Amino acid sequence: MALEHLLTVDDLDRETIERIVARAGSFAEVSGRDIKKVPALRGRTVATLFYENSTRTSSSFELAAKRLSADVIPIKAGGSSVAKGESLEDTVRTLSAYGPEVIVLRAPWAGAGDMITRWTDAAVVNAGDGKREHPSQSLLDIYTLRRHFDSLEGKKIWIVGDILHSRVARSNARAFRTMGAHVTLCGPPTLLPPQMGEALGCEVTHDITGVDDADVIYTLRIQNERMNESFMPSLAEYVIGYQINSKRLGAKQLLMHPGPVNRGVELSADVVGAPNSLIEQQVESGLVVRMAILYELLAGGKRQMGETA
């Protein structure tokens, strides 16, 4: 199916994911050249609007657009009229006056991407909305894993950590399942209510010992910035119960983390750079996958040159 927006992993069927992953692979070849730009989106404009701090996602979307020869309008809320109290709607309508074909939005409000589709003709990419979703992260994680596995069919993936506050966990659980993987969610009871497993169609456990059976361990950081009450007695107790370290990570298991890593908390320092850690590969994958997403929305989908939705 052709993508009109990328708001949720529910916008992606298996065929579309495979197509984006394959396209990202072709862009990876371009990234190895001396001249890394391609003219695929020349004359198009991409706006990035970030209401939350970001290093990996914002920089990779901006660079992805530039590598495709698009013009880029980067907006950080702290340095714009948003800091003066401008509403999301007014900001989007102002940006839309410049005629962007894509708006990449990160916001602390669940459903913000869906909302702004009412105020712009541009394709909208959800680059993270509160605790709800982060679909481009799911695509880059699938791409990273497919560099090691021919297929995710039947692979056992454990997502470990602060599931409750993680948009990555919500998106990845569904995306991995779409690709045929068996997903288990693991974390302290206060950070992993049973209903989350039911909603995401995954197994839930509070016992880390079963992680030995996983093909992939996907760890998450404790998101203190999204907590307004105490969810655990102490970080020390979390480390004892759920930290992935050299004793818990098998030599044949792949380790992933969306970043930023809290070394010494969810991961011990020695496993971050271990031979079976894919964390650096995930960062590298972000650029080519986000190139593929922009290409899919503008050159491969409904929005051909001069058209709007």
C-alpha atoms as a PDB file:
ATOM      1  CA  MET A   1       0.000   0.000   0.000  1.00  0.00           C
ATOM      2  CA  ALA A   2       1.121   3.600  -0.607  1.00  0.00           C
ATOM      3  CA  LEU A   3       1.807   5.743   2.445  1.00  0.00           C
ATOM      4  CA  GLU A   4       0.001   9.058   2.800  1.00  0.00           C
ATOM      5  CA  HIS A   5       1.380   9.757   6.291  1.00  0.00           C
ATOM      6  CA  LEU A   6       3.513   7.824   8.794  1.00  0.00           C
ATOM      7  CA  LEU A   7       1.688   8.331  12.080  1.00  0.00           C
ATOM      8  CA  THR A   8       1.671   4.842  13.577  1.00  0.00           C
ATOM      9  CA  VAL A   9       2.979   1.372  12.813  1.00  0.00           C
ATOM     10  CA  ASP A  10      -0.635   0.518  12.062  1.00  0.00           C
ATOM     11  CA  ASP A  11      -0.056   2.461   8.814  1.00  0.00           C
ATOM     12  CA  LEU A  12       2.436  -0.251   7.826  1.00  0.00           C
ATOM     13  CA  ASP A  13       1.616  -3.717   6.558  1.00  0.00           C
ATOM     14  CA  ARG A  14       4.335  -6.310   6.050  1.00  0.00           C
ATOM     15  CA  GLU A  15       4.683  -5.553   2.348  1.00  0.00           C
ATOM     16  CA  THR A  16       5.198  -1.838   3.000  1.00  0.00           C
ATOM     17  CA  ILE A  17       7.795  -2.525   5.686  1.00  0.00           C
ATOM     18  CA  GLU A  18       9.662  -4.851   3.324  1.00  0.00           C
ATOM     19  CA  ARG A  19       9.595  -2.185   0.613  1.00  0.00           C
ATOM     20  CA  ILE A  20      10.979   0.514   2.916  1.00  0.00           C
ATOM     21  CA  VAL A  21      13.670  -1.835   4.255  1.00  0.00           C
ATOM     22  CA  ALA A  22      14.742  -2.719   0.707  1.00  0.00           C
ATOM     23  CA  ARG A  23      14.837   0.957  -0.269  1.00  0.00           C
ATOM     24  CA  ALA A  24      16.945   1.728   2.794  1.00  0.00           C
ATOM     25  CA  GLY A  25      19.382  -0.941   1.652  1.00  0.00           C
ATOM     26  CA  SER A  26      19.790   0.803  -1.704  1.00  0.00           C
ATOM     27  CA  PHE A  27      20.399   4.136   0.050  1.00  0.00           C
ATOM     28  CA  ALA A  28      23.039   2.454   2.218  1.00  0.00           C
ATOM     29  CA  GLU A  29      24.996   1.792  -0.970  1.00  0.00           C
ATOM     30  CA  VAL A  30      24.754   5.488  -1.860  1.00  0.00           C
ATOM     31  CA  SER A  31      26.077   6.406   1.599  1.00  0.00           C
ATOM     32  CA  GLY A  32      29.259   4.529   0.795  1.00  0.00           C
ATOM     33  CA  ARG A  33      30.049   6.756  -2.197  1.00  0.00           C
ATOM     34  CA  ASP A  34      32.286   9.823  -2.219  1.00  0.00           C
ATOM     35  CA  ILE A  35      29.305  11.946  -3.260  1.00  0.00           C
ATOM     36  CA  LYS A  36      26.465  10.860  -1.006  1.00  0.00           C
ATOM     37  CA  LYS A  37      23.609  12.952  -2.429  1.00  0.00           C
ATOM     38  CA  VAL A  38      20.954  11.756  -4.843  1.00  0.00           C
ATOM     39  CA  PRO A  39      18.505  14.077  -6.659  1.00  0.00           C
ATOM     40  CA  ALA A  40      15.375  12.091  -5.767  1.00  0.00           C
ATOM     41  CA  LEU A  41      13.656  14.937  -3.868  1.00  0.00           C
ATOM     42  CA  ARG A  42      15.229  17.951  -5.552  1.00  0.00           C
ATOM     43  CA  GLY A  43      12.826  20.876  -5.384  1.00  0.00           C
ATOM     44  CA  ARG A  44      10.860  19.386  -2.479  1.00  0.00           C
ATOM     45  CA  THR A  45      10.777  20.837   1.054  1.00  0.00           C
ATOM     46  CA  VAL A  46      10.864  18.974   4.368  1.00  0.00           C
ATOM     47  CA  ALA A  47      10.114  20.747   7.668  1.00  0.00           C
ATOM     48  CA  THR A  48      11.174  19.233  10.982  1.00  0.00           C
ATOM     49  CA  LEU A  49       9.304  20.485  14.052  1.00  0.00           C
ATOM     50  CA  PHE A  50      10.615  19.226  17.407  1.00  0.00           C
ATOM     51  CA  TYR A  51       8.918  20.114  20.695  1.00  0.00           C
ATOM     52  CA  GLU A  52      11.120  17.662  22.632  1.00  0.00           C
ATOM     53  CA  ASN A  53      14.882  17.293  22.809  1.00  0.00           C
ATOM     54  CA  SER A  54      16.335  14.931  20.241  1.00  0.00           C
ATOM     55  CA  THR A  55      19.746  14.132  18.837  1.00  0.00           C
ATOM     56  CA  ARG A  56      19.430  10.983  16.745  1.00  0.00           C
ATOM     57  CA  THR A  57      15.962  11.440  15.290  1.00  0.00           C
ATOM     58  CA  SER A  58      16.151  15.147  14.458  1.00  0.00           C
ATOM     59  CA  SER A  59      19.660  15.032  12.983  1.00  0.00           C
ATOM     60  CA  SER A  60      18.983  11.898  10.946  1.00  0.00           C
ATOM     61  CA  PHE A  61      15.741  13.243   9.446  1.00  0.00           C
ATOM     62  CA  GLU A  62      17.437  16.536   8.538  1.00  0.00           C
ATOM     63  CA  LEU A  63      20.435  14.795   6.998  1.00  0.00           C
ATOM     64  CA  ALA A  64      18.176  12.270   5.236  1.00  0.00           C
ATOM     65  CA  ALA A  65      16.292  15.105   3.533  1.00  0.00           C
ATOM     66  CA  LYS A  66      19.537  16.793   2.504  1.00  0.00           C
ATOM     67  CA  ARG A  67      20.985  13.543   1.151  1.00  0.00           C
ATOM     68  CA  LEU A  68      17.890  13.315  -1.056  1.00  0.00           C
ATOM     69  CA  SER A  69      18.525  16.928  -2.211  1.00  0.00           C
ATOM     70  CA  ALA A  70      15.416  18.336  -0.504  1.00  0.00           C
ATOM     71  CA  ASP A  71      15.317  21.774   1.114  1.00  0.00           C
ATOM     72  CA  VAL A  72      15.014  21.598   4.908  1.00  0.00           C
ATOM     73  CA  ILE A  73      13.273  23.884   7.412  1.00  0.00           C
ATOM     74  CA  PRO A  74      14.442  22.797  10.907  1.00  0.00           C
ATOM     75  CA  ILE A  75      12.433  24.164  13.827  1.00  0.00           C
ATOM     76  CA  LYS A  76      13.241  23.561  17.508  1.00  0.00           C
ATOM     77  CA  ALA A  77      10.490  24.733  19.859  1.00  0.00           C
ATOM     78  CA  GLY A  78      12.913  26.359  22.278  1.00  0.00           C
ATOM     79  CA  GLY A  79      14.287  28.719  19.644  1.00  0.00           C
ATOM     80  CA  SER A  80      11.078  29.599  17.831  1.00  0.00           C
ATOM     81  CA  SER A  81       7.823  31.470  18.398  1.00  0.00           C
ATOM     82  CA  VAL A  82       6.616  28.380  20.272  1.00  0.00           C
ATOM     83  CA  ALA A  83       8.697  29.684  23.190  1.00  0.00           C
ATOM     84  CA  LYS A  84       6.569  32.847  23.029  1.00  0.00           C
ATOM     85  CA  GLY A  85       3.359  30.860  23.401  1.00  0.00           C
ATOM     86  CA  GLU A  86       2.436  30.184  19.776  1.00  0.00           C
ATOM     87  CA  SER A  87       0.012  27.269  19.489  1.00  0.00           C
ATOM     88  CA  LEU A  88       0.768  24.054  17.616  1.00  0.00           C
ATOM     89  CA  GLU A  89      -1.920  24.913  15.062  1.00  0.00           C
ATOM     90  CA  ASP A  90      -0.534  28.378  14.378  1.00  0.00           C
ATOM     91  CA  THR A  91       3.000  27.025  14.084  1.00  0.00           C
ATOM     92  CA  VAL A  92       1.918  24.362  11.601  1.00  0.00           C
ATOM     93  CA  ARG A  93      -0.138  26.821   9.558  1.00  0.00           C
ATOM     94  CA  THR A  94       2.849  29.196   9.440  1.00  0.00           C
ATOM     95  CA  LEU A  95       5.155  26.412   8.295  1.00  0.00           C
ATOM     96  CA  SER A  96       2.591  25.303   5.718  1.00  0.00           C
ATOM     97  CA  ALA A  97       2.722  28.754   4.133  1.00  0.00           C
ATOM     98  CA  TYR A  98       6.232  27.823   2.926  1.00  0.00           C
ATOM     99  CA  GLY A  99       4.836  24.837   1.049  1.00  0.00           C
ATOM    100  CA  PRO A 100       6.591  21.857   2.672  1.00  0.00           C
ATOM    101  CA  GLU A 101       5.652  18.464   1.258  1.00  0.00           C
ATOM    102  CA  VAL A 102       6.566  16.726   4.540  1.00  0.00           C
ATOM    103  CA  ILE A 103       6.383  17.829   8.177  1.00  0.00           C
ATOM    104  CA  VAL A 104       8.296  15.672  10.657  1.00  0.00           C
ATOM    105  CA  LEU A 105       6.864  16.257  14.137  1.00  0.00           C
ATOM    106  CA  ARG A 106       8.028  15.260  17.603  1.00  0.00           C
ATOM    107  CA  ALA A 107       5.746  16.369  20.422  1.00  0.00           C
ATOM    108  CA  PRO A 108       4.929  15.438  24.020  1.00  0.00           C
ATOM    109  CA  TRP A 109       1.241  15.051  23.176  1.00  0.00           C
ATOM    110  CA  ALA A 110      -0.173  11.695  22.080  1.00  0.00           C
ATOM    111  CA  GLY A 111      -1.913  12.008  18.737  1.00  0.00           C
ATOM    112  CA  ALA A 112      -0.278  15.333  17.810  1.00  0.00           C
ATOM    113  CA  GLY A 113       0.683  14.038  14.367  1.00  0.00           C
ATOM    114  CA  ASP A 114      -2.851  12.949  13.627  1.00  0.00           C
ATOM    115  CA  MET A 115      -4.110  16.352  14.695  1.00  0.00           C
ATOM    116  CA  ILE A 116      -1.868  18.424  12.429  1.00  0.00           C
ATOM    117  CA  THR A 117      -2.973  16.539   9.320  1.00  0.00           C
ATOM    118  CA  ARG A 118      -6.103  18.719   9.580  1.00  0.00           C
ATOM    119  CA  TRP A 119      -4.037  21.903   9.267  1.00  0.00           C
ATOM    120  CA  THR A 120      -1.635  21.080   6.443  1.00  0.00           C
ATOM    121  CA  ASP A 121      -1.578  19.441   3.044  1.00  0.00           C
ATOM    122  CA  ALA A 122       1.887  18.046   3.776  1.00  0.00           C
ATOM    123  CA  ALA A 123       2.586  14.413   4.543  1.00  0.00           C
ATOM    124  CA  VAL A 124       3.135  14.078   8.298  1.00  0.00           C
ATOM    125  CA  VAL A 125       5.725  11.862   9.953  1.00  0.00           C
ATOM    126  CA  ASN A 126       5.294  11.125  13.636  1.00  0.00           C
ATOM    127  CA  ALA A 127       8.804  11.262  15.097  1.00  0.00           C
ATOM    128  CA  GLY A 128       7.503  10.457  18.575  1.00  0.00           C
ATOM    129  CA  ASP A 129       4.319  11.597  20.301  1.00  0.00           C
ATOM    130  CA  GLY A 130       4.367  11.370  24.078  1.00  0.00           C
ATOM    131  CA  LYS A 131       4.194   7.754  25.249  1.00  0.00           C
ATOM    132  CA  ARG A 132       2.216   6.666  22.198  1.00  0.00           C
ATOM    133  CA  GLU A 133       4.371   5.799  19.150  1.00  0.00           C
ATOM    134  CA  HIS A 134       7.685   6.155  17.313  1.00  0.00           C
ATOM    135  CA  PRO A 135       7.184   4.332  13.983  1.00  0.00           C
ATOM    136  CA  SER A 136      10.422   5.382  12.265  1.00  0.00           C
ATOM    137  CA  GLN A 137      12.373   3.838  15.152  1.00  0.00           C
ATOM    138  CA  SER A 138      10.555   0.552  14.530  1.00  0.00           C
ATOM    139  CA  LEU A 139      11.488   0.633  10.862  1.00  0.00           C
ATOM    140  CA  LEU A 140      15.162   1.287  11.542  1.00  0.00           C
ATOM    141  CA  ASP A 141      15.198  -1.475  14.151  1.00  0.00           C
ATOM    142  CA  ILE A 142      13.685  -3.951  11.683  1.00  0.00           C
ATOM    143  CA  TYR A 143      16.210  -2.852   9.057  1.00  0.00           C
ATOM    144  CA  THR A 144      19.056  -3.341  11.559  1.00  0.00           C
ATOM    145  CA  LEU A 145      17.879  -6.836  12.460  1.00  0.00           C
ATOM    146  CA  ARG A 146      17.406  -7.801   8.824  1.00  0.00           C
ATOM    147  CA  ARG A 147      21.118  -7.179   8.315  1.00  0.00           C
ATOM    148  CA  HIS A 148      21.619 -10.197  10.614  1.00  0.00           C
ATOM    149  CA  PHE A 149      18.541 -12.343   9.940  1.00  0.00           C
ATOM    150  CA  ASP A 150      16.998 -13.234   6.597  1.00  0.00           C
ATOM    151  CA  SER A 151      13.620 -12.988   8.313  1.00  0.00           C
ATOM    152  CA  LEU A 152      12.190 -12.153  11.739  1.00  0.00           C
ATOM    153  CA  GLU A 153       9.661 -14.974  11.386  1.00  0.00           C
ATOM    154  CA  GLY A 154       9.714 -16.988  14.608  1.00  0.00           C
ATOM    155  CA  LYS A 155      12.501 -14.949  16.225  1.00  0.00           C
ATOM    156  CA  LYS A 156      12.163 -14.403  19.973  1.00  0.00           C
ATOM    157  CA  ILE A 157      12.528 -10.742  20.910  1.00  0.00           C
ATOM    158  CA  TRP A 158      12.444  -9.580  24.522  1.00  0.00           C
ATOM    159  CA  ILE A 159      11.771  -5.889  25.222  1.00  0.00           C
ATOM    160  CA  VAL A 160      13.090  -5.157  28.720  1.00  0.00           C
ATOM    161  CA  GLY A 161      12.736  -2.092  30.907  1.00  0.00           C
ATOM    162  CA  ASP A 162      10.361   0.843  31.325  1.00  0.00           C
ATOM    163  CA  ILE A 163       7.598  -0.405  29.042  1.00  0.00           C
ATOM    164  CA  LEU A 164       4.917   1.824  30.566  1.00  0.00           C
ATOM    165  CA  HIS A 165       6.470   5.114  29.460  1.00  0.00           C
ATOM    166  CA  SER A 166       8.040   3.926  26.195  1.00  0.00           C
ATOM    167  CA  ARG A 167       6.635   4.851  22.790  1.00  0.00           C
ATOM    168  CA  VAL A 168       9.389   2.693  21.267  1.00  0.00           C
ATOM    169  CA  ALA A 169       8.077  -0.369  23.112  1.00  0.00           C
ATOM    170  CA  ARG A 170       4.546   0.239  21.855  1.00  0.00           C
ATOM    171  CA  SER A 171       5.613   0.680  18.234  1.00  0.00           C
ATOM    172  CA  ASN A 172       8.233  -2.062  18.193  1.00  0.00           C
ATOM    173  CA  ALA A 173       6.060  -4.697  19.822  1.00  0.00           C
ATOM    174  CA  ARG A 174       3.480  -4.364  17.052  1.00  0.00           C
ATOM    175  CA  ALA A 175       6.007  -3.927  14.241  1.00  0.00           C
ATOM    176  CA  PHE A 176       8.056  -6.964  15.269  1.00  0.00           C
ATOM    177  CA  ARG A 177       4.865  -9.018  15.470  1.00  0.00           C
ATOM    178  CA  THR A 178       3.861  -7.838  11.990  1.00  0.00           C
ATOM    179  CA  MET A 179       7.161  -9.295  10.758  1.00  0.00           C
ATOM    180  CA  GLY A 180       6.418 -12.640  12.423  1.00  0.00           C
ATOM    181  CA  ALA A 181       8.503 -12.347  15.589  1.00  0.00           C
ATOM    182  CA  HIS A 182       7.409 -13.601  19.008  1.00  0.00           C
ATOM    183  CA  VAL A 183       7.611 -10.648  21.435  1.00  0.00           C
ATOM    184  CA  THR A 184       7.903 -10.800  25.226  1.00  0.00           C
ATOM    185  CA  LEU A 185       7.673  -7.692  27.415  1.00  0.00           C
ATOM    186  CA  CYS A 186       9.672  -7.752  30.657  1.00  0.00           C
ATOM    187  CA  GLY A 187       9.968  -5.209  33.449  1.00  0.00           C
ATOM    188  CA  PRO A 188       8.977  -4.402  37.030  1.00  0.00           C
ATOM    189  CA  PRO A 189       5.222  -4.710  37.716  1.00  0.00           C
ATOM    190  CA  THR A 190       4.951  -0.946  38.241  1.00  0.00           C
ATOM    191  CA  LEU A 191       6.441  -0.308  34.786  1.00  0.00           C
ATOM    192  CA  LEU A 192       4.628  -3.104  32.986  1.00  0.00           C
ATOM    193  CA  PRO A 193       0.923  -3.509  33.768  1.00  0.00           C
ATOM    194  CA  PRO A 194      -0.607  -6.773  32.451  1.00  0.00           C
ATOM    195  CA  GLN A 195      -3.074  -4.940  30.196  1.00  0.00           C
ATOM    196  CA  MET A 196      -0.189  -3.667  28.061  1.00  0.00           C
ATOM    197  CA  GLY A 197       0.571  -7.215  26.977  1.00  0.00           C
ATOM    198  CA  GLU A 198      -3.071  -7.751  26.053  1.00  0.00           C
ATOM    199  CA  ALA A 199      -3.198  -4.476  24.095  1.00  0.00           C
ATOM    200  CA  LEU A 200       0.002  -5.232  22.189  1.00  0.00           C
ATOM    201  CA  GLY A 201      -0.587  -8.966  21.724  1.00  0.00           C
ATOM    202  CA  CYS A 202       2.597  -9.904  23.589  1.00  0.00           C
ATOM    203  CA  GLU A 203       3.556 -12.114  26.478  1.00  0.00           C
ATOM    204  CA  VAL A 204       4.278 -10.295  29.742  1.00  0.00           C
ATOM    205  CA  THR A 205       6.686 -11.384  32.455  1.00  0.00           C
ATOM    206  CA  HIS A 206       8.289  -9.722  35.458  1.00  0.00           C
ATOM    207  CA  ASP A 207      10.926 -12.456  35.709  1.00  0.00           C
ATOM    208  CA  ILE A 208      14.160 -11.702  33.828  1.00  0.00           C
ATOM    209  CA  THR A 209      15.496 -15.263  34.032  1.00  0.00           C
ATOM    210  CA  GLY A 210      13.686 -16.362  30.883  1.00  0.00           C
ATOM    211  CA  VAL A 211      15.657 -13.862  28.780  1.00  0.00           C
ATOM    212  CA  ASP A 212      18.253 -16.585  28.198  1.00  0.00           C
ATOM    213  CA  ASP A 213      15.926 -17.955  25.507  1.00  0.00           C
ATOM    214  CA  ALA A 214      15.743 -14.701  23.505  1.00  0.00           C
ATOM    215  CA  ASP A 215      17.336 -14.211  20.101  1.00  0.00           C
ATOM    216  CA  VAL A 216      17.258 -10.427  20.600  1.00  0.00           C
ATOM    217  CA  ILE A 217      17.242  -8.398  23.826  1.00  0.00           C
ATOM    218  CA  TYR A 218      15.885  -4.892  23.301  1.00  0.00           C
ATOM    219  CA  THR A 219      16.518  -2.717  26.355  1.00  0.00           C
ATOM    220  CA  LEU A 220      14.818   0.549  27.310  1.00  0.00           C
ATOM    221  CA  ARG A 221      15.933   3.334  29.610  1.00  0.00           C
ATOM    222  CA  ILE A 222      14.070   4.492  32.686  1.00  0.00           C
ATOM    223  CA  GLN A 223      12.199   7.599  31.496  1.00  0.00           C
ATOM    224  CA  ASN A 224      12.287   9.762  34.603  1.00  0.00           C
ATOM    225  CA  GLU A 225      11.107  12.783  32.594  1.00  0.00           C
ATOM    226  CA  ARG A 226       7.732  11.074  32.033  1.00  0.00           C
ATOM    227  CA  MET A 227       7.233  10.007  35.659  1.00  0.00           C
ATOM    228  CA  ASN A 228       5.346  12.159  38.153  1.00  0.00           C
ATOM    229  CA  GLU A 229       5.406   9.589  40.955  1.00  0.00           C
ATOM    230  CA  SER A 230       7.653   6.843  42.265  1.00  0.00           C
ATOM    231  CA  PHE A 231       7.503   3.675  40.151  1.00  0.00           C
ATOM    232  CA  MET A 232      10.292   1.768  41.922  1.00  0.00           C
ATOM    233  CA  PRO A 233      12.088   1.908  45.264  1.00  0.00           C
ATOM    234  CA  SER A 234      15.485   2.783  43.758  1.00  0.00           C
ATOM    235  CA  LEU A 235      17.659   2.542  40.668  1.00  0.00           C
ATOM    236  CA  ALA A 236      19.886   0.119  42.566  1.00  0.00           C
ATOM    237  CA  GLU A 237      16.985  -2.303  42.919  1.00  0.00           C
ATOM    238  CA  TYR A 238      16.180  -1.958  39.223  1.00  0.00           C
ATOM    239  CA  VAL A 239      19.810  -2.701  38.322  1.00  0.00           C
ATOM    240  CA  ILE A 240      19.797  -5.870  40.395  1.00  0.00           C
ATOM    241  CA  GLY A 241      16.513  -7.049  38.954  1.00  0.00           C
ATOM    242  CA  TYR A 242      16.597  -5.995  35.286  1.00  0.00           C
ATOM    243  CA  GLN A 243      19.950  -4.651  34.112  1.00  0.00           C
ATOM    244  CA  ILE A 244      21.350  -6.477  31.075  1.00  0.00           C
ATOM    245  CA  ASN A 245      25.001  -7.208  31.761  1.00  0.00           C
ATOM    246  CA  SER A 246      27.622  -9.731  30.690  1.00  0.00           C
ATOM    247  CA  LYS A 247      26.045 -12.378  32.937  1.00  0.00           C
ATOM    248  CA  ARG A 248      22.604 -11.987  31.315  1.00  0.00           C
ATOM    249  CA  LEU A 249      23.644 -11.364  27.703  1.00  0.00           C
ATOM    250  CA  GLY A 250      24.567 -14.535  25.865  1.00  0.00           C
ATOM    251  CA  ALA A 251      27.314 -14.508  23.235  1.00  0.00           C
ATOM    252  CA  LYS A 252      24.834 -15.405  20.465  1.00  0.00           C
ATOM    253  CA  GLN A 253      22.119 -12.969  21.532  1.00  0.00           C
ATOM    254  CA  LEU A 254      21.797  -9.586  19.791  1.00  0.00           C
ATOM    255  CA  LEU A 255      21.517  -6.485  21.979  1.00  0.00           C
ATOM    256  CA  MET A 256      19.583  -3.353  20.997  1.00  0.00           C
ATOM    257  CA  HIS A 257      18.730  -0.002  22.601  1.00  0.00           C
ATOM    258  CA  PRO A 258      17.016   3.063  21.044  1.00  0.00           C
ATOM    259  CA  GLY A 259      19.277   5.524  22.886  1.00  0.00           C
ATOM    260  CA  PRO A 260      20.271   7.470  24.787  1.00  0.00           C
ATOM    261  CA  VAL A 261      21.781   4.764  27.013  1.00  0.00           C
ATOM    262  CA  ASN A 262      21.970   5.216  30.768  1.00  0.00           C
ATOM    263  CA  ARG A 263      25.185   3.274  31.283  1.00  0.00           C
ATOM    264  CA  GLY A 264      25.214   1.386  34.518  1.00  0.00           C
ATOM    265  CA  VAL A 265      21.405   1.346  34.743  1.00  0.00           C
ATOM    266  CA  GLU A 266      19.570  -0.617  32.028  1.00  0.00           C
ATOM    267  CA  LEU A 267      22.890  -1.751  30.526  1.00  0.00           C
ATOM    268  CA  SER A 268      26.263  -2.365  32.116  1.00  0.00           C
ATOM    269  CA  ALA A 269      29.053  -0.439  30.408  1.00  0.00           C
ATOM    270  CA  ASP A 270      30.799  -3.591  29.195  1.00  0.00           C
ATOM    271  CA  VAL A 271      27.907  -4.782  27.014  1.00  0.00           C
ATOM    272  CA  VAL A 272      27.215  -1.458  25.248  1.00  0.00           C
ATOM    273  CA  GLY A 273      30.160  -1.978  22.907  1.00  0.00           C
ATOM    274  CA  ALA A 274      30.127  -5.781  22.928  1.00  0.00           C
ATOM    275  CA  PRO A 275      30.562  -7.616  19.591  1.00  0.00           C
ATOM    276  CA  ASN A 276      26.885  -8.631  19.634  1.00  0.00           C
ATOM    277  CA  SER A 277      25.643  -5.113  20.440  1.00  0.00           C
ATOM    278  CA  LEU A 278      23.751  -3.481  17.541  1.00  0.00           C
ATOM    279  CA  ILE A 279      23.405  -0.075  19.205  1.00  0.00           C
ATOM    280  CA  GLU A 280      25.842   1.694  16.902  1.00  0.00           C
ATOM    281  CA  GLN A 281      24.313  -0.035  13.871  1.00  0.00           C
ATOM    282  CA  GLN A 282      20.892   1.264  14.926  1.00  0.00           C
ATOM    283  CA  VAL A 283      22.197   4.841  14.788  1.00  0.00           C
ATOM    284  CA  GLU A 284      23.711   4.208  11.345  1.00  0.00           C
ATOM    285  CA  SER A 285      20.457   2.641  10.151  1.00  0.00           C
ATOM    286  CA  GLY A 286      18.471   5.704  11.185  1.00  0.00           C
ATOM    287  CA  LEU A 287      19.794   7.801   8.315  1.00  0.00           C
ATOM    288  CA  VAL A 288      19.113   5.413   5.432  1.00  0.00           C
ATOM    289  CA  VAL A 289      15.751   4.288   6.812  1.00  0.00           C
ATOM    290  CA  ARG A 290      14.581   7.873   7.193  1.00  0.00           C
ATOM    291  CA  MET A 291      15.757   8.553   3.649  1.00  0.00           C
ATOM    292  CA  ALA A 292      13.592   5.611   2.592  1.00  0.00           C
ATOM    293  CA  ILE A 293      10.599   6.965   4.544  1.00  0.00           C
ATOM    294  CA  LEU A 294      10.829  10.404   2.912  1.00  0.00           C
ATOM    295  CA  TYR A 295      11.262   8.790  -0.500  1.00  0.00           C
ATOM    296  CA  GLU A 296       8.258   6.523   0.105  1.00  0.00           C
ATOM    297  CA  LEU A 297       6.043   9.468   1.047  1.00  0.00           C
ATOM    298  CA  LEU A 298       7.101  11.787  -1.787  1.00  0.00           C
ATOM    299  CA  ALA A 299       8.517   9.801  -4.683  1.00  0.00           C
ATOM    300  CA  GLY A 300       7.072   6.344  -4.190  1.00  0.00           C
ATOM    301  CA  GLY A 301       3.581   7.093  -2.951  1.00  0.00           C
ATOM    302  CA  LYS A 302       0.610   9.311  -3.743  1.00  0.00           C
ATOM    303  CA  ARG A 303       2.388  12.674  -3.538  1.00  0.00           C
ATOM    304  CA  GLN A 304       4.084  13.114  -6.870  1.00  0.00           C
ATOM    305  CA  MET A 305       5.608  16.452  -7.805  1.00  0.00           C
ATOM    306  CA  GLY A 306       3.082  19.258  -7.571  1.00  0.00           C
ATOM    307  CA  GLU A 307       0.404  17.147  -5.865  1.00  0.00           C
ATOM    308  CA  THR A 308      -1.062  17.358  -2.369  1.00  0.00           C
ATOM    309  CA  ALA A 309      -3.241  14.976  -0.424  1.00  0.00           C
END
